[in-house]
Amino acid sequence: MLKVGVVLSGCGHLDGSEIHEAVLTLLALDRAGAEVVCLAPNIEQKSVVNHLTQHPTESLRNVLEESARIARGNVWDVAEIDASELDALVLPGGYGAAKNLCDFAAQGAEAKVQAGVRKLVREMHAARKPIGAWCIAPSVLAAALKEAHVKLTIGEDPGTARLLESMGAKHVACPVDEMRVDEVNRIVTTPAYMYDARIGEVASGIEKAVAQLLALCR
């Protein structure tokens, strides 16, 4: 059975993991017979947003604790796992990927990746184990793997695409219900909610991306 790490970034699309994307990923992996290991950094969130009003609050929340809401409590500190324990890695989107897993939301092309996430991503890449990233999460890969000039997609947003390319990545356009593969770097990406899309369209892209990710493991 293939063992796949899923790196979460909190709970909620404005300040953590996009819940639809995370759950669709877990469902697709389970249906494919993979063993899932949910992971998250044990750090404070960069911001907390009231998802009803969409306004920031002064609350303090921990990324690992919030990720446990999605993982039903079964989540590990990303710093405590090694690439040798996994066959593949997935980073669902949501602004938490660009706020908590890295600081792309604030720093753009100068983004730095959270230490535990960076270590695991680079170990997986060095071991030629496949990595998937949805929505805005490809920004984490662009920042962590600058020298690899990874090919990825965030859909069609020209401003974000230019920022990623200024980091050394190569952006390719992609509709919401499809995915793109970097065969050289063994990276699979899909735009998901980078589009104003229906959940069924997002599901189609994620299902295809997960299938491709697992195919690269074999």
N, C-alpha and C. Protein backbone atom coordinates (compact mmCIF):
# COMPACT_ATOMS: atom_id res chain seq x y z
N MET A 1 0.85 -1.21 0.00
CA MET A 1 0.00 0.00 0.00
C MET A 1 0.88 1.25 0.00
N LEU A 2 0.59 2.16 -0.91
CA LEU A 2 1.34 3.41 -0.98
C LEU A 2 0.98 4.31 0.20
N LYS A 3 1.98 4.99 0.74
CA LYS A 3 1.80 5.87 1.88
C LYS A 3 2.02 7.31 1.43
N VAL A 4 1.00 8.14 1.57
CA VAL A 4 1.03 9.50 1.04
C VAL A 4 0.86 10.51 2.16
N GLY A 5 1.79 11.43 2.27
CA GLY A 5 1.67 12.53 3.21
C GLY A 5 0.81 13.64 2.63
N VAL A 6 -0.10 14.18 3.44
CA VAL A 6 -0.94 15.31 3.03
C VAL A 6 -0.65 16.46 3.99
N VAL A 7 -0.03 17.51 3.49
CA VAL A 7 0.39 18.63 4.34
C VAL A 7 -0.73 19.66 4.41
N LEU A 8 -1.32 19.80 5.59
CA LEU A 8 -2.39 20.76 5.83
C LEU A 8 -1.81 22.05 6.42
N SER A 9 -2.60 23.13 6.31
CA SER A 9 -2.08 24.44 6.73
C SER A 9 -3.06 25.18 7.63
N GLY A 10 -3.92 24.42 8.32
CA GLY A 10 -4.95 25.01 9.14
C GLY A 10 -6.31 24.54 8.66
N CYS A 11 -7.35 25.30 8.97
CA CYS A 11 -8.72 24.86 8.64
C CYS A 11 -9.56 26.05 8.19
N GLY A 12 -9.72 26.19 6.89
CA GLY A 12 -10.51 27.28 6.34
C GLY A 12 -9.76 27.98 5.22
N HIS A 13 -10.45 28.25 4.12
CA HIS A 13 -9.73 28.68 2.92
C HIS A 13 -9.08 30.05 3.02
N LEU A 14 -9.53 30.90 3.94
CA LEU A 14 -8.96 32.25 4.03
C LEU A 14 -7.72 32.33 4.90
N ASP A 15 -7.49 31.33 5.75
CA ASP A 15 -6.31 31.39 6.63
C ASP A 15 -5.66 30.03 6.86
N GLY A 16 -6.19 28.99 6.23
CA GLY A 16 -5.65 27.64 6.40
C GLY A 16 -5.87 26.81 5.16
N SER A 17 -6.06 25.52 5.33
CA SER A 17 -6.34 24.64 4.20
C SER A 17 -7.75 24.89 3.67
N GLU A 18 -7.91 24.85 2.35
CA GLU A 18 -9.23 24.88 1.74
C GLU A 18 -9.88 23.54 2.04
N ILE A 19 -10.98 23.55 2.77
CA ILE A 19 -11.53 22.31 3.31
C ILE A 19 -12.02 21.38 2.21
N HIS A 20 -12.68 21.92 1.19
CA HIS A 20 -13.12 21.07 0.08
C HIS A 20 -11.92 20.37 -0.56
N GLU A 21 -10.88 21.14 -0.84
CA GLU A 21 -9.69 20.56 -1.50
C GLU A 21 -9.05 19.49 -0.63
N ALA A 22 -8.96 19.75 0.67
CA ALA A 22 -8.35 18.78 1.57
C ALA A 22 -9.16 17.49 1.63
N VAL A 23 -10.48 17.62 1.78
CA VAL A 23 -11.33 16.44 1.91
C VAL A 23 -11.40 15.67 0.58
N LEU A 24 -11.49 16.37 -0.53
CA LEU A 24 -11.49 15.70 -1.83
C LEU A 24 -10.19 14.93 -2.05
N THR A 25 -9.09 15.49 -1.58
CA THR A 25 -7.80 14.81 -1.68
C THR A 25 -7.79 13.54 -0.84
N LEU A 26 -8.23 13.66 0.40
CA LEU A 26 -8.28 12.49 1.29
C LEU A 26 -9.19 11.41 0.73
N LEU A 27 -10.32 11.82 0.16
CA LEU A 27 -11.27 10.86 -0.41
C LEU A 27 -10.67 10.16 -1.62
N ALA A 28 -10.05 10.93 -2.52
CA ALA A 28 -9.45 10.33 -3.72
C ALA A 28 -8.33 9.37 -3.36
N LEU A 29 -7.52 9.72 -2.37
CA LEU A 29 -6.44 8.83 -1.95
C LEU A 29 -6.99 7.55 -1.32
N ASP A 30 -8.01 7.70 -0.49
CA ASP A 30 -8.60 6.53 0.15
C ASP A 30 -9.23 5.60 -0.89
N ARG A 31 -9.96 6.16 -1.83
CA ARG A 31 -10.59 5.34 -2.86
C ARG A 31 -9.57 4.62 -3.73
N ALA A 32 -8.38 5.20 -3.84
CA ALA A 32 -7.32 4.57 -4.62
C ALA A 32 -6.54 3.54 -3.81
N GLY A 33 -6.89 3.41 -2.53
CA GLY A 33 -6.24 2.40 -1.70
C GLY A 33 -4.95 2.85 -1.04
N ALA A 34 -4.69 4.16 -1.03
CA ALA A 34 -3.47 4.66 -0.40
C ALA A 34 -3.66 4.86 1.10
N GLU A 35 -2.59 4.72 1.83
CA GLU A 35 -2.59 5.07 3.26
C GLU A 35 -2.22 6.54 3.38
N VAL A 36 -3.03 7.31 4.10
CA VAL A 36 -2.81 8.75 4.23
C VAL A 36 -2.20 9.08 5.58
N VAL A 37 -1.20 9.97 5.55
CA VAL A 37 -0.61 10.51 6.77
C VAL A 37 -0.78 12.02 6.72
N CYS A 38 -1.66 12.58 7.55
CA CYS A 38 -1.87 14.02 7.58
C CYS A 38 -0.76 14.68 8.40
N LEU A 39 -0.27 15.79 7.89
CA LEU A 39 0.86 16.50 8.49
C LEU A 39 0.55 17.99 8.53
N ALA A 40 1.18 18.70 9.45
CA ALA A 40 1.07 20.16 9.50
C ALA A 40 2.19 20.70 10.37
N PRO A 41 2.63 21.92 10.12
CA PRO A 41 3.64 22.51 11.01
C PRO A 41 3.03 22.91 12.35
N ASN A 42 3.76 22.73 13.41
CA ASN A 42 3.30 23.09 14.75
C ASN A 42 3.72 24.53 15.04
N ILE A 43 3.00 25.47 14.43
CA ILE A 43 3.31 26.89 14.54
C ILE A 43 2.00 27.68 14.68
N GLU A 44 2.11 28.93 15.10
CA GLU A 44 0.94 29.79 15.12
C GLU A 44 0.59 30.22 13.69
N GLN A 45 -0.71 30.36 13.42
CA GLN A 45 -1.14 30.88 12.13
C GLN A 45 -0.65 32.32 11.96
N LYS A 46 -0.39 32.70 10.71
CA LYS A 46 0.02 34.07 10.43
C LYS A 46 -1.15 35.04 10.61
N SER A 47 -2.36 34.56 10.38
CA SER A 47 -3.55 35.39 10.61
C SER A 47 -4.73 34.46 10.86
N VAL A 48 -5.77 35.01 11.46
CA VAL A 48 -7.01 34.27 11.66
C VAL A 48 -8.14 35.12 11.08
N VAL A 49 -8.98 34.50 10.24
CA VAL A 49 -10.05 35.21 9.55
C VAL A 49 -11.39 34.62 9.94
N ASN A 50 -12.34 35.47 10.28
CA ASN A 50 -13.72 35.06 10.50
C ASN A 50 -14.31 34.71 9.13
N HIS A 51 -14.61 33.45 8.90
CA HIS A 51 -15.05 33.04 7.57
C HIS A 51 -16.49 33.44 7.27
N LEU A 52 -17.23 33.91 8.28
CA LEU A 52 -18.58 34.41 8.04
C LEU A 52 -18.54 35.85 7.53
N THR A 53 -17.72 36.68 8.21
CA THR A 53 -17.62 38.09 7.82
C THR A 53 -16.48 38.33 6.83
N GLN A 54 -15.54 37.38 6.75
CA GLN A 54 -14.33 37.47 5.94
C GLN A 54 -13.42 38.59 6.43
N HIS A 55 -13.52 38.93 7.70
CA HIS A 55 -12.66 39.95 8.30
C HIS A 55 -11.67 39.30 9.26
N PRO A 56 -10.45 39.86 9.35
CA PRO A 56 -9.47 39.32 10.31
C PRO A 56 -9.94 39.49 11.74
N THR A 57 -9.50 38.58 12.60
CA THR A 57 -9.77 38.68 14.03
C THR A 57 -8.44 38.72 14.77
N GLU A 58 -8.50 38.97 16.06
CA GLU A 58 -7.27 39.00 16.86
C GLU A 58 -7.02 37.67 17.56
N SER A 59 -7.77 36.64 17.19
CA SER A 59 -7.58 35.33 17.80
C SER A 59 -6.21 34.76 17.44
N LEU A 60 -5.72 33.88 18.30
CA LEU A 60 -4.50 33.13 18.02
C LEU A 60 -4.87 31.67 17.81
N ARG A 61 -4.37 31.08 16.73
CA ARG A 61 -4.65 29.67 16.47
C ARG A 61 -3.38 28.98 16.01
N ASN A 62 -3.30 27.70 16.34
CA ASN A 62 -2.14 26.88 16.00
C ASN A 62 -2.45 26.07 14.74
N VAL A 63 -1.53 26.05 13.79
CA VAL A 63 -1.77 25.39 12.51
C VAL A 63 -1.99 23.88 12.69
N LEU A 64 -1.19 23.25 13.53
CA LEU A 64 -1.33 21.81 13.77
C LEU A 64 -2.69 21.50 14.41
N GLU A 65 -3.07 22.29 15.40
CA GLU A 65 -4.34 22.08 16.08
C GLU A 65 -5.52 22.30 15.15
N GLU A 66 -5.46 23.32 14.33
CA GLU A 66 -6.55 23.59 13.39
C GLU A 66 -6.62 22.51 12.30
N SER A 67 -5.47 22.04 11.86
CA SER A 67 -5.44 20.97 10.86
C SER A 67 -6.07 19.70 11.40
N ALA A 68 -5.97 19.50 12.71
CA ALA A 68 -6.57 18.31 13.33
C ALA A 68 -8.08 18.28 13.16
N ARG A 69 -8.71 19.42 12.93
CA ARG A 69 -10.15 19.46 12.67
C ARG A 69 -10.49 18.70 11.39
N ILE A 70 -9.64 18.88 10.37
CA ILE A 70 -9.87 18.20 9.08
C ILE A 70 -9.46 16.73 9.18
N ALA A 71 -8.37 16.48 9.89
CA ALA A 71 -7.80 15.13 9.97
C ALA A 71 -8.47 14.28 11.05
N ARG A 72 -9.52 14.80 11.68
CA ARG A 72 -10.20 14.09 12.77
C ARG A 72 -9.22 13.71 13.88
N GLY A 73 -8.28 14.62 14.12
CA GLY A 73 -7.33 14.44 15.20
C GLY A 73 -6.08 13.66 14.85
N ASN A 74 -6.10 13.00 13.71
CA ASN A 74 -4.97 12.13 13.34
C ASN A 74 -4.01 12.89 12.43
N VAL A 75 -3.22 13.77 13.04
CA VAL A 75 -2.28 14.60 12.28
C VAL A 75 -0.97 14.67 13.03
N TRP A 76 0.13 14.70 12.27
CA TRP A 76 1.47 14.69 12.83
C TRP A 76 2.18 16.01 12.53
N ASP A 77 3.07 16.38 13.41
CA ASP A 77 3.95 17.53 13.16
C ASP A 77 4.83 17.20 11.96
N VAL A 78 4.82 18.06 10.96
CA VAL A 78 5.58 17.80 9.74
C VAL A 78 7.08 17.65 10.02
N ALA A 79 7.55 18.26 11.09
CA ALA A 79 8.97 18.18 11.44
C ALA A 79 9.37 16.81 11.94
N GLU A 80 8.38 15.96 12.26
CA GLU A 80 8.68 14.67 12.86
C GLU A 80 8.61 13.51 11.87
N ILE A 81 8.50 13.81 10.58
CA ILE A 81 8.44 12.74 9.58
C ILE A 81 9.57 12.93 8.57
N ASP A 82 10.04 11.81 8.06
CA ASP A 82 11.14 11.81 7.09
C ASP A 82 10.61 11.33 5.75
N ALA A 83 11.24 11.81 4.68
CA ALA A 83 10.80 11.40 3.34
C ALA A 83 10.88 9.90 3.14
N SER A 84 11.77 9.23 3.84
CA SER A 84 11.90 7.78 3.70
C SER A 84 10.64 7.03 4.16
N GLU A 85 9.78 7.71 4.93
CA GLU A 85 8.55 7.09 5.44
C GLU A 85 7.38 7.23 4.48
N LEU A 86 7.55 7.98 3.39
CA LEU A 86 6.46 8.28 2.47
C LEU A 86 6.79 7.87 1.05
N ASP A 87 5.74 7.60 0.28
CA ASP A 87 5.90 7.33 -1.15
C ASP A 87 5.58 8.54 -2.01
N ALA A 88 4.76 9.45 -1.49
CA ALA A 88 4.37 10.65 -2.21
C ALA A 88 3.91 11.70 -1.21
N LEU A 89 3.78 12.93 -1.69
CA LEU A 89 3.40 14.05 -0.83
C LEU A 89 2.40 14.93 -1.58
N VAL A 90 1.39 15.43 -0.86
CA VAL A 90 0.40 16.34 -1.45
C VAL A 90 0.23 17.57 -0.56
N LEU A 91 0.14 18.74 -1.20
CA LEU A 91 -0.14 19.98 -0.49
C LEU A 91 -1.44 20.57 -1.05
N PRO A 92 -2.59 20.38 -0.37
CA PRO A 92 -3.81 21.06 -0.80
C PRO A 92 -3.64 22.58 -0.65
N GLY A 93 -4.56 23.31 -1.31
CA GLY A 93 -4.45 24.76 -1.28
C GLY A 93 -5.21 25.41 -0.14
N GLY A 94 -5.67 26.62 -0.39
CA GLY A 94 -6.17 27.50 0.66
C GLY A 94 -5.08 28.51 0.98
N TYR A 95 -5.48 29.71 1.44
CA TYR A 95 -4.48 30.75 1.69
C TYR A 95 -3.48 30.35 2.76
N GLY A 96 -3.81 29.36 3.59
CA GLY A 96 -2.85 28.89 4.57
C GLY A 96 -1.58 28.37 3.94
N ALA A 97 -1.68 27.83 2.73
CA ALA A 97 -0.48 27.35 2.04
C ALA A 97 0.47 28.51 1.76
N ALA A 98 -0.10 29.68 1.44
CA ALA A 98 0.71 30.85 1.12
C ALA A 98 0.95 31.76 2.32
N LYS A 99 0.35 31.42 3.47
CA LYS A 99 0.56 32.20 4.69
C LYS A 99 1.33 31.43 5.75
N ASN A 100 1.01 30.12 5.90
CA ASN A 100 1.56 29.31 6.98
C ASN A 100 2.64 28.33 6.52
N LEU A 101 2.43 27.71 5.35
CA LEU A 101 3.46 26.80 4.83
C LEU A 101 4.61 27.58 4.22
N CYS A 102 4.31 28.75 3.69
CA CYS A 102 5.33 29.69 3.23
C CYS A 102 4.73 31.07 3.38
N ASP A 103 5.48 32.12 3.03
CA ASP A 103 4.97 33.48 3.18
C ASP A 103 4.77 34.17 1.83
N PHE A 104 4.39 33.37 0.82
CA PHE A 104 4.17 33.90 -0.52
C PHE A 104 3.11 34.99 -0.53
N ALA A 105 2.08 34.88 0.29
CA ALA A 105 1.00 35.87 0.32
C ALA A 105 1.53 37.25 0.70
N ALA A 106 2.55 37.30 1.57
CA ALA A 106 3.10 38.57 2.02
C ALA A 106 4.35 38.98 1.25
N GLN A 107 5.17 38.00 0.87
CA GLN A 107 6.49 38.30 0.31
C GLN A 107 6.62 38.07 -1.19
N GLY A 108 5.62 37.45 -1.80
CA GLY A 108 5.67 37.22 -3.25
C GLY A 108 6.90 36.44 -3.67
N ALA A 109 7.63 36.97 -4.63
CA ALA A 109 8.79 36.28 -5.20
C ALA A 109 9.91 36.06 -4.19
N GLU A 110 9.90 36.79 -3.07
CA GLU A 110 10.93 36.62 -2.04
C GLU A 110 10.50 35.62 -0.97
N ALA A 111 9.48 34.85 -1.24
CA ALA A 111 8.89 33.95 -0.25
C ALA A 111 9.88 32.93 0.29
N LYS A 112 9.74 32.65 1.58
CA LYS A 112 10.50 31.60 2.25
C LYS A 112 9.51 30.54 2.74
N VAL A 113 9.97 29.31 2.80
CA VAL A 113 9.11 28.18 3.20
C VAL A 113 9.37 27.83 4.66
N GLN A 114 8.31 27.50 5.38
CA GLN A 114 8.44 27.07 6.78
C GLN A 114 9.43 25.91 6.86
N ALA A 115 10.29 25.91 7.84
CA ALA A 115 11.46 25.03 7.88
C ALA A 115 11.12 23.55 7.73
N GLY A 116 10.13 23.06 8.50
CA GLY A 116 9.78 21.64 8.43
C GLY A 116 9.21 21.25 7.08
N VAL A 117 8.38 22.14 6.51
CA VAL A 117 7.80 21.88 5.20
C VAL A 117 8.89 21.89 4.13
N ARG A 118 9.78 22.87 4.21
CA ARG A 118 10.87 22.96 3.22
C ARG A 118 11.74 21.70 3.24
N LYS A 119 12.08 21.25 4.45
CA LYS A 119 12.93 20.07 4.58
C LYS A 119 12.27 18.86 3.94
N LEU A 120 10.99 18.64 4.22
CA LEU A 120 10.30 17.46 3.69
C LEU A 120 10.15 17.55 2.17
N VAL A 121 9.76 18.71 1.67
CA VAL A 121 9.61 18.88 0.22
C VAL A 121 10.93 18.62 -0.49
N ARG A 122 12.00 19.16 0.03
CA ARG A 122 13.31 18.99 -0.62
C ARG A 122 13.81 17.55 -0.53
N GLU A 123 13.53 16.89 0.59
CA GLU A 123 13.88 15.47 0.72
C GLU A 123 13.10 14.62 -0.27
N MET A 124 11.82 14.89 -0.40
CA MET A 124 10.99 14.13 -1.34
C MET A 124 11.49 14.33 -2.77
N HIS A 125 11.78 15.57 -3.10
CA HIS A 125 12.27 15.88 -4.46
C HIS A 125 13.61 15.21 -4.72
N ALA A 126 14.51 15.26 -3.75
CA ALA A 126 15.83 14.64 -3.91
C ALA A 126 15.72 13.14 -4.08
N ALA A 127 14.71 12.54 -3.43
CA ALA A 127 14.50 11.09 -3.53
C ALA A 127 13.66 10.72 -4.76
N ARG A 128 13.29 11.72 -5.56
CA ARG A 128 12.48 11.53 -6.77
C ARG A 128 11.13 10.87 -6.46
N LYS A 129 10.58 11.27 -5.32
CA LYS A 129 9.25 10.83 -4.95
C LYS A 129 8.25 11.91 -5.36
N PRO A 130 7.12 11.53 -5.95
CA PRO A 130 6.22 12.53 -6.52
C PRO A 130 5.57 13.43 -5.48
N ILE A 131 5.34 14.68 -5.91
CA ILE A 131 4.74 15.70 -5.07
C ILE A 131 3.58 16.32 -5.83
N GLY A 132 2.45 16.48 -5.16
CA GLY A 132 1.30 17.16 -5.73
C GLY A 132 1.02 18.44 -4.98
N ALA A 133 0.51 19.45 -5.69
CA ALA A 133 0.15 20.72 -5.05
C ALA A 133 -1.05 21.31 -5.78
N TRP A 134 -2.06 21.72 -5.01
CA TRP A 134 -3.29 22.23 -5.60
C TRP A 134 -3.44 23.72 -5.29
N CYS A 135 -4.19 24.41 -6.16
CA CYS A 135 -4.59 25.79 -5.92
C CYS A 135 -3.36 26.69 -5.82
N ILE A 136 -3.18 27.41 -4.71
CA ILE A 136 -2.04 28.30 -4.52
C ILE A 136 -0.83 27.57 -3.93
N ALA A 137 -1.00 26.31 -3.52
CA ALA A 137 0.11 25.56 -2.91
C ALA A 137 1.32 25.36 -3.82
N PRO A 138 1.19 25.40 -5.16
CA PRO A 138 2.42 25.35 -5.97
C PRO A 138 3.42 26.45 -5.63
N SER A 139 2.96 27.54 -5.00
CA SER A 139 3.90 28.58 -4.58
C SER A 139 4.91 28.04 -3.58
N VAL A 140 4.49 27.08 -2.76
CA VAL A 140 5.41 26.45 -1.80
C VAL A 140 6.52 25.72 -2.54
N LEU A 141 6.15 25.00 -3.60
CA LEU A 141 7.14 24.25 -4.38
C LEU A 141 8.07 25.19 -5.13
N ALA A 142 7.52 26.27 -5.69
CA ALA A 142 8.35 27.24 -6.41
C ALA A 142 9.39 27.84 -5.48
N ALA A 143 9.00 28.12 -4.23
CA ALA A 143 9.93 28.72 -3.27
C ALA A 143 10.93 27.72 -2.72
N ALA A 144 10.49 26.48 -2.51
CA ALA A 144 11.37 25.46 -1.91
C ALA A 144 12.33 24.86 -2.91
N LEU A 145 11.97 24.88 -4.20
CA LEU A 145 12.75 24.18 -5.22
C LEU A 145 13.15 25.12 -6.34
N LYS A 146 13.60 26.31 -5.98
CA LYS A 146 13.91 27.34 -6.99
C LYS A 146 14.89 26.85 -8.05
N GLU A 147 15.90 26.12 -7.61
CA GLU A 147 16.95 25.70 -8.55
C GLU A 147 16.48 24.62 -9.51
N ALA A 148 15.33 24.00 -9.23
CA ALA A 148 14.83 22.92 -10.07
C ALA A 148 13.98 23.43 -11.23
N HIS A 149 13.59 24.71 -11.18
CA HIS A 149 12.76 25.31 -12.25
C HIS A 149 11.55 24.43 -12.55
N VAL A 150 10.78 24.18 -11.52
CA VAL A 150 9.64 23.26 -11.63
C VAL A 150 8.56 23.81 -12.56
N LYS A 151 7.92 22.91 -13.29
CA LYS A 151 6.79 23.26 -14.14
C LYS A 151 5.51 23.02 -13.35
N LEU A 152 4.64 24.02 -13.31
CA LEU A 152 3.45 23.91 -12.47
C LEU A 152 2.34 24.80 -13.02
N THR A 153 1.15 24.68 -12.41
CA THR A 153 0.03 25.54 -12.78
C THR A 153 -0.70 26.06 -11.55
N ILE A 154 -1.19 27.27 -11.67
CA ILE A 154 -2.17 27.80 -10.72
C ILE A 154 -3.41 28.24 -11.50
N GLY A 155 -3.56 27.72 -12.70
CA GLY A 155 -4.71 28.04 -13.54
C GLY A 155 -4.34 29.01 -14.64
N GLU A 156 -4.90 30.23 -14.58
CA GLU A 156 -4.64 31.20 -15.64
C GLU A 156 -4.37 32.60 -15.11
N ASP A 157 -4.29 32.78 -13.79
CA ASP A 157 -4.10 34.12 -13.23
C ASP A 157 -2.74 34.68 -13.63
N PRO A 158 -2.69 35.72 -14.46
CA PRO A 158 -1.41 36.17 -15.01
C PRO A 158 -0.47 36.77 -13.96
N GLY A 159 -1.03 37.50 -12.98
CA GLY A 159 -0.18 38.12 -11.97
C GLY A 159 0.54 37.09 -11.12
N THR A 160 -0.20 36.10 -10.63
CA THR A 160 0.40 35.04 -9.82
C THR A 160 1.38 34.22 -10.65
N ALA A 161 1.02 33.95 -11.90
CA ALA A 161 1.90 33.19 -12.78
C ALA A 161 3.23 33.92 -12.96
N ARG A 162 3.18 35.23 -13.15
CA ARG A 162 4.42 36.01 -13.33
C ARG A 162 5.29 35.94 -12.07
N LEU A 163 4.66 36.03 -10.91
CA LEU A 163 5.42 35.94 -9.66
C LEU A 163 6.12 34.59 -9.55
N LEU A 164 5.42 33.51 -9.86
CA LEU A 164 6.01 32.18 -9.78
C LEU A 164 7.16 32.04 -10.77
N GLU A 165 7.00 32.60 -11.96
CA GLU A 165 8.07 32.51 -12.95
C GLU A 165 9.28 33.35 -12.54
N SER A 166 9.04 34.45 -11.81
CA SER A 166 10.17 35.24 -11.32
C SER A 166 10.96 34.50 -10.25
N MET A 167 10.35 33.42 -9.69
CA MET A 167 11.02 32.59 -8.71
C MET A 167 11.76 31.42 -9.37
N GLY A 168 11.67 31.33 -10.69
CA GLY A 168 12.36 30.26 -11.41
C GLY A 168 11.47 29.16 -11.90
N ALA A 169 10.18 29.18 -11.52
CA ALA A 169 9.25 28.15 -11.98
C ALA A 169 8.82 28.43 -13.42
N LYS A 170 8.28 27.42 -14.07
CA LYS A 170 7.69 27.58 -15.39
C LYS A 170 6.19 27.34 -15.25
N HIS A 171 5.39 28.37 -15.54
CA HIS A 171 3.95 28.23 -15.39
C HIS A 171 3.29 27.78 -16.69
N VAL A 172 2.34 26.85 -16.56
CA VAL A 172 1.54 26.40 -17.70
C VAL A 172 0.07 26.57 -17.35
N ALA A 173 -0.70 27.11 -18.29
CA ALA A 173 -2.13 27.31 -18.05
C ALA A 173 -2.84 25.96 -17.95
N CYS A 174 -3.96 25.97 -17.22
CA CYS A 174 -4.70 24.72 -17.02
C CYS A 174 -6.12 25.04 -16.60
N PRO A 175 -7.13 24.39 -17.18
CA PRO A 175 -8.50 24.56 -16.71
C PRO A 175 -8.70 23.90 -15.36
N VAL A 176 -9.77 24.29 -14.67
CA VAL A 176 -9.99 23.85 -13.29
C VAL A 176 -10.14 22.34 -13.17
N ASP A 177 -10.71 21.68 -14.18
CA ASP A 177 -10.98 20.25 -14.07
C ASP A 177 -9.89 19.37 -14.68
N GLU A 178 -8.71 19.95 -14.87
CA GLU A 178 -7.57 19.20 -15.40
C GLU A 178 -6.38 19.36 -14.48
N MET A 179 -5.27 18.76 -14.85
CA MET A 179 -4.04 18.87 -14.06
C MET A 179 -2.86 18.92 -15.02
N ARG A 180 -1.71 19.29 -14.51
CA ARG A 180 -0.49 19.35 -15.31
C ARG A 180 0.61 18.57 -14.59
N VAL A 181 1.51 17.97 -15.37
CA VAL A 181 2.57 17.12 -14.82
C VAL A 181 3.93 17.63 -15.26
N ASP A 182 4.84 17.77 -14.33
CA ASP A 182 6.26 18.01 -14.61
C ASP A 182 6.93 16.64 -14.50
N GLU A 183 7.14 16.01 -15.65
CA GLU A 183 7.71 14.66 -15.67
C GLU A 183 9.14 14.64 -15.11
N VAL A 184 9.90 15.69 -15.38
CA VAL A 184 11.30 15.74 -14.94
C VAL A 184 11.38 15.78 -13.42
N ASN A 185 10.60 16.67 -12.81
CA ASN A 185 10.65 16.84 -11.36
C ASN A 185 9.62 16.01 -10.61
N ARG A 186 8.77 15.29 -11.35
CA ARG A 186 7.77 14.40 -10.77
C ARG A 186 6.80 15.17 -9.87
N ILE A 187 6.27 16.27 -10.44
CA ILE A 187 5.35 17.16 -9.73
C ILE A 187 4.03 17.24 -10.49
N VAL A 188 2.93 17.15 -9.76
CA VAL A 188 1.58 17.21 -10.32
C VAL A 188 0.86 18.39 -9.68
N THR A 189 0.25 19.25 -10.50
CA THR A 189 -0.48 20.41 -9.97
C THR A 189 -1.83 20.54 -10.66
N THR A 190 -2.79 21.11 -9.92
CA THR A 190 -4.12 21.39 -10.47
C THR A 190 -4.63 22.69 -9.85
N PRO A 191 -5.38 23.51 -10.59
CA PRO A 191 -5.74 24.85 -10.10
C PRO A 191 -6.77 24.90 -8.98
N ALA A 192 -7.72 23.95 -8.96
CA ALA A 192 -8.76 23.91 -7.94
C ALA A 192 -9.43 25.29 -7.78
N TYR A 193 -9.48 25.80 -6.53
CA TYR A 193 -10.22 27.04 -6.29
C TYR A 193 -9.43 28.31 -6.62
N MET A 194 -8.38 28.21 -7.41
CA MET A 194 -7.83 29.41 -8.03
C MET A 194 -8.84 29.95 -9.04
N TYR A 195 -9.79 29.11 -9.43
CA TYR A 195 -10.94 29.54 -10.23
C TYR A 195 -12.15 29.69 -9.31
N ASP A 196 -13.10 30.53 -9.74
CA ASP A 196 -14.40 30.59 -9.07
C ASP A 196 -15.22 29.43 -9.62
N ALA A 197 -14.99 28.26 -9.06
CA ALA A 197 -15.47 27.02 -9.67
C ALA A 197 -16.47 26.31 -8.77
N ARG A 198 -17.19 25.38 -9.38
CA ARG A 198 -18.08 24.50 -8.62
C ARG A 198 -17.25 23.38 -8.00
N ILE A 199 -17.74 22.84 -6.91
CA ILE A 199 -17.00 21.79 -6.21
C ILE A 199 -16.80 20.57 -7.12
N GLY A 200 -17.77 20.28 -7.98
CA GLY A 200 -17.62 19.14 -8.89
C GLY A 200 -16.47 19.33 -9.87
N GLU A 201 -16.27 20.57 -10.32
CA GLU A 201 -15.15 20.86 -11.23
C GLU A 201 -13.82 20.71 -10.50
N VAL A 202 -13.78 21.21 -9.28
CA VAL A 202 -12.57 21.08 -8.45
C VAL A 202 -12.27 19.60 -8.20
N ALA A 203 -13.31 18.84 -7.89
CA ALA A 203 -13.15 17.40 -7.62
C ALA A 203 -12.56 16.69 -8.83
N SER A 204 -13.02 17.04 -10.02
CA SER A 204 -12.51 16.39 -11.23
C SER A 204 -11.01 16.61 -11.38
N GLY A 205 -10.55 17.84 -11.18
CA GLY A 205 -9.13 18.13 -11.29
C GLY A 205 -8.31 17.41 -10.23
N ILE A 206 -8.80 17.41 -8.99
CA ILE A 206 -8.07 16.75 -7.90
C ILE A 206 -8.02 15.24 -8.11
N GLU A 207 -9.13 14.65 -8.54
CA GLU A 207 -9.15 13.20 -8.78
C GLU A 207 -8.13 12.81 -9.85
N LYS A 208 -8.06 13.60 -10.92
CA LYS A 208 -7.09 13.32 -11.98
C LYS A 208 -5.66 13.49 -11.48
N ALA A 209 -5.45 14.54 -10.67
CA ALA A 209 -4.11 14.81 -10.14
C ALA A 209 -3.67 13.70 -9.19
N VAL A 210 -4.57 13.24 -8.32
CA VAL A 210 -4.24 12.16 -7.39
C VAL A 210 -3.93 10.89 -8.16
N ALA A 211 -4.72 10.58 -9.19
CA ALA A 211 -4.46 9.38 -9.99
C ALA A 211 -3.08 9.45 -10.63
N GLN A 212 -2.72 10.61 -11.15
CA GLN A 212 -1.40 10.77 -11.79
C GLN A 212 -0.28 10.68 -10.76
N LEU A 213 -0.50 11.29 -9.60
CA LEU A 213 0.49 11.25 -8.53
C LEU A 213 0.81 9.80 -8.14
N LEU A 214 -0.23 8.99 -7.97
CA LEU A 214 -0.04 7.60 -7.57
C LEU A 214 0.57 6.79 -8.70
N ALA A 215 0.24 7.12 -9.94
CA ALA A 215 0.84 6.42 -11.08
C ALA A 215 2.35 6.66 -11.12
N LEU A 216 2.78 7.85 -10.71
CA LEU A 216 4.22 8.15 -10.69
C LEU A 216 4.96 7.37 -9.61
N CYS A 217 4.22 6.85 -8.64
CA CYS A 217 4.85 6.05 -7.57
C CYS A 217 5.17 4.64 -8.04
N ARG A 218 4.54 4.21 -9.12
CA ARG A 218 4.62 2.79 -9.49
C ARG A 218 5.64 2.56 -10.59
